[in-house]
C-alpha cells in the first residue's frame, strides 16, 4: 500500500516537472526577427570573414568568452565603425578541457564567411544582436557556384534587402 501513494506522488511530481519544463522552453523561445528588425536594432551590419578566434575567462573567471576577429569586406550599416576588422565578443568557448556553450548565442568558425548584425554593449564591445538570428553564414552553392546566405539566398539579394531596410 505504501508503494501506490509513492508511485502516485512520483507520477504527480514527474508531471509537474514536465509541465514546468514545457513552460520554461516555451518562454525561452525567441520570436523570429525579420531582417528589417535586425537591421534597425543593430549598430553595425558587416559582411566578412572570421580571421581569429580566442577563448578566455571573463574577469571574474566565472564564464568563458570568445573574442572573434572579423575581417570586413563590406559594412552595410557602419555606424561609427570604419576599420578593416571588427572584434566581436560572444559567450562560450573552450579553454583546455573546459567548454561552455549557450543555445541563444551564435558560434563562429575559423575562415567562416558571415553577415553579422552587431550592437555595442555597455562596455563598448560588439555583440551579435538578436542572438543566433543575428549571424548568417555565407557558403558557396555546389551546383550554381554562387555565394549563398543560409544556403538559399544569393548574397547580393540578402545585402540589398538590408540596404533597403537602412534607407526606410
Protein backbone atom coordinates (compact mmCIF):
# COMPACT_ATOMS: atom_id res chain seq x y z
CA UNK A 1 0.00 0.00 0.00
CA UNK A 2 2.85 2.37 0.61
CA UNK A 3 4.06 1.82 -2.96
CA UNK A 4 0.85 3.10 -4.55
CA UNK A 5 0.91 6.55 -2.87
CA UNK A 6 4.64 6.75 -3.56
CA UNK A 7 4.12 5.89 -7.22
CA UNK A 8 1.28 8.38 -7.45
CA UNK A 9 3.37 11.06 -5.76
CA UNK A 10 6.25 10.33 -8.10
CA UNK A 11 3.96 10.41 -11.10
CA UNK A 12 2.41 13.69 -9.97
CA UNK A 13 5.84 15.18 -9.30
CA UNK A 14 7.05 14.00 -12.71
CA UNK A 15 4.01 15.57 -14.40
CA UNK A 16 4.65 18.85 -12.61
CA UNK A 17 8.32 18.79 -13.67
CA UNK A 18 7.45 18.02 -17.29
CA UNK A 19 4.82 20.78 -17.32
CA UNK A 20 7.25 23.29 -15.75
CA UNK A 21 9.93 22.33 -18.28
CA UNK A 22 7.48 22.82 -21.15
CA UNK A 23 6.58 26.29 -19.88
CA UNK A 24 10.26 27.13 -19.47
CA UNK A 25 11.09 26.02 -23.02
CA UNK A 26 8.11 27.91 -24.46
CA UNK A 27 9.05 31.12 -22.68
CA UNK A 28 12.71 30.76 -23.66
CA UNK A 29 11.96 30.56 -27.37
CA UNK A 30 12.78 33.73 -29.23
CA UNK A 31 10.38 35.43 -31.59
CA UNK A 32 11.70 35.09 -35.12
CA UNK A 33 13.01 38.51 -36.17
CA UNK A 34 12.90 39.84 -39.69
CA UNK A 35 15.97 41.19 -41.45
CA UNK A 36 14.34 44.61 -41.19
CA UNK A 37 14.04 44.29 -37.38
CA UNK A 38 17.62 43.02 -37.04
CA UNK A 39 18.90 45.88 -39.19
CA UNK A 40 17.08 48.55 -37.17
CA UNK A 41 18.33 47.11 -33.83
CA UNK A 42 21.96 46.80 -34.96
CA UNK A 43 24.60 49.49 -34.64
CA UNK A 44 26.67 47.78 -37.33
CA UNK A 45 25.91 45.25 -40.07
CA UNK A 46 29.01 43.74 -41.67
CA UNK A 47 29.93 41.15 -44.27
CA UNK A 48 33.27 39.48 -43.70
CA UNK A 49 35.46 36.52 -42.86
CA UNK A 50 36.41 35.19 -39.42
CA UNK A 51 40.18 35.52 -39.19
CA UNK A 52 40.78 34.81 -35.49
CA UNK A 53 39.07 33.17 -32.51
CA UNK A 54 40.38 33.37 -28.95
CA UNK A 55 38.58 31.91 -25.93
CA UNK A 56 39.41 33.22 -22.45
CA UNK A 57 37.95 33.51 -18.98
CA UNK A 58 35.97 36.63 -18.16
CA UNK A 59 37.28 38.99 -15.48
CA UNK A 60 35.64 37.06 -12.65
CA UNK A 61 36.76 33.68 -14.04
CA UNK A 62 33.13 32.55 -13.96
CA UNK A 63 32.42 32.29 -17.70
CA UNK A 64 34.28 31.63 -20.90
CA UNK A 65 34.04 34.25 -23.62
CA UNK A 66 35.33 34.09 -27.16
CA UNK A 67 36.79 37.05 -28.99
CA UNK A 68 36.10 36.82 -32.71
CA UNK A 69 38.05 38.92 -35.21
CA UNK A 70 36.11 39.60 -38.38
CA UNK A 71 37.93 40.99 -41.41
CA UNK A 72 35.27 43.16 -43.01
CA UNK A 73 34.64 43.05 -46.75
CA UNK A 74 31.73 45.48 -46.58
CA UNK A 75 29.86 47.49 -43.99
CA UNK A 76 26.17 47.54 -44.87
CA UNK A 77 25.46 49.70 -41.81
CA UNK A 78 28.59 51.16 -40.34
CA UNK A 79 27.64 53.48 -37.51
CA UNK A 80 30.99 54.88 -36.37
CA UNK A 81 32.91 51.75 -37.41
CA UNK A 82 35.17 52.03 -40.45
CA UNK A 83 38.14 49.76 -39.71
CA UNK A 84 39.03 46.70 -41.80
CA UNK A 85 38.44 44.47 -38.78
CA UNK A 86 35.80 44.36 -36.08
CA UNK A 87 36.10 42.45 -32.82
CA UNK A 88 33.06 40.58 -31.53
CA UNK A 89 32.62 39.11 -28.04
CA UNK A 90 30.44 36.01 -27.58
CA UNK A 91 29.63 33.89 -24.56
CA UNK A 92 31.03 30.37 -24.56
CA UNK A 93 34.06 28.66 -25.97
CA UNK A 94 36.73 26.17 -24.94
CA UNK A 95 39.79 26.55 -22.75
CA UNK A 96 41.75 23.33 -22.29
CA UNK A 97 39.34 20.63 -21.13
CA UNK A 98 36.62 23.12 -20.15
CA UNK A 99 33.93 24.18 -22.59
CA UNK A 100 30.80 26.30 -22.37
CA UNK A 101 28.02 26.54 -24.92
CA UNK A 102 24.93 28.73 -24.89
CA UNK A 103 21.88 27.93 -27.00
CA UNK A 104 20.98 31.57 -27.73
CA UNK A 105 24.48 32.67 -28.73
CA UNK A 106 25.89 32.11 -32.22
CA UNK A 107 29.18 30.29 -32.68
CA UNK A 108 31.83 31.12 -35.24
CA UNK A 109 34.36 29.01 -37.15
CA UNK A 110 37.81 29.98 -38.36
CA UNK A 111 37.67 31.25 -42.00
CA UNK A 112 33.86 31.31 -41.97
CA UNK A 113 32.21 33.94 -44.17
CA UNK A 114 29.33 35.70 -42.44
CA UNK A 115 26.87 38.56 -42.35
CA UNK A 116 26.53 39.82 -38.77
CA UNK A 117 24.21 42.27 -37.04
CA UNK A 118 26.19 43.83 -34.18
CA UNK A 119 25.38 46.02 -31.24
CA UNK A 120 27.74 47.68 -28.77
CA UNK A 121 27.25 46.66 -25.15
CA UNK A 122 27.74 48.96 -22.15
CA UNK A 123 31.49 48.16 -22.13
CA UNK A 124 31.92 49.14 -25.78
CA UNK A 125 32.27 45.56 -27.04
CA UNK A 126 30.39 44.41 -30.12
CA UNK A 127 27.96 41.55 -29.54
CA UNK A 128 25.73 39.79 -32.06
CA UNK A 129 22.31 41.44 -31.94
CA UNK A 130 19.34 39.07 -31.96
CA UNK A 131 21.20 36.04 -30.65
CA UNK A 132 21.63 33.26 -33.20
CA UNK A 133 19.34 35.16 -35.57
CA UNK A 134 21.94 37.93 -35.91
CA UNK A 135 24.57 35.79 -37.64
CA UNK A 136 24.21 34.35 -41.13
CA UNK A 137 26.77 32.01 -42.66
CA UNK A 138 27.75 32.51 -46.28
CA UNK A 139 28.66 29.42 -48.30
CA UNK A 140 29.20 28.57 -51.95
CA UNK A 141 26.36 26.59 -53.52
CA UNK A 142 27.94 23.46 -55.04
CA UNK A 143 25.66 23.48 -58.09
CA UNK A 144 25.40 27.15 -59.05
CA UNK A 145 28.79 28.11 -57.51
CA UNK A 146 27.11 31.30 -56.20
CA UNK A 147 27.75 32.55 -52.68
CA UNK A 148 24.56 31.98 -50.67
CA UNK A 149 23.30 33.16 -47.28
CA UNK A 150 21.62 30.48 -45.21
CA UNK A 151 22.00 28.03 -48.06
CA UNK A 152 19.27 29.52 -50.23
CA UNK A 153 19.56 33.30 -50.70
CA UNK A 154 22.16 34.86 -53.01
CA UNK A 155 24.42 37.21 -51.02
CA UNK A 156 23.57 40.11 -53.34
CA UNK A 157 19.82 39.72 -52.68
CA UNK A 158 20.35 39.48 -48.92
CA UNK A 159 22.61 42.53 -48.72
CA UNK A 160 20.22 44.51 -50.97
CA UNK A 161 17.34 43.79 -48.56
CA UNK A 162 19.48 45.04 -45.65
CA UNK A 163 20.38 48.24 -47.53
CA UNK A 164 16.69 48.83 -48.26
CA UNK A 165 15.91 48.48 -44.54
CA UNK A 166 18.51 51.11 -43.71
CA UNK A 167 17.09 53.56 -46.22
CA UNK A 168 13.50 53.27 -44.94
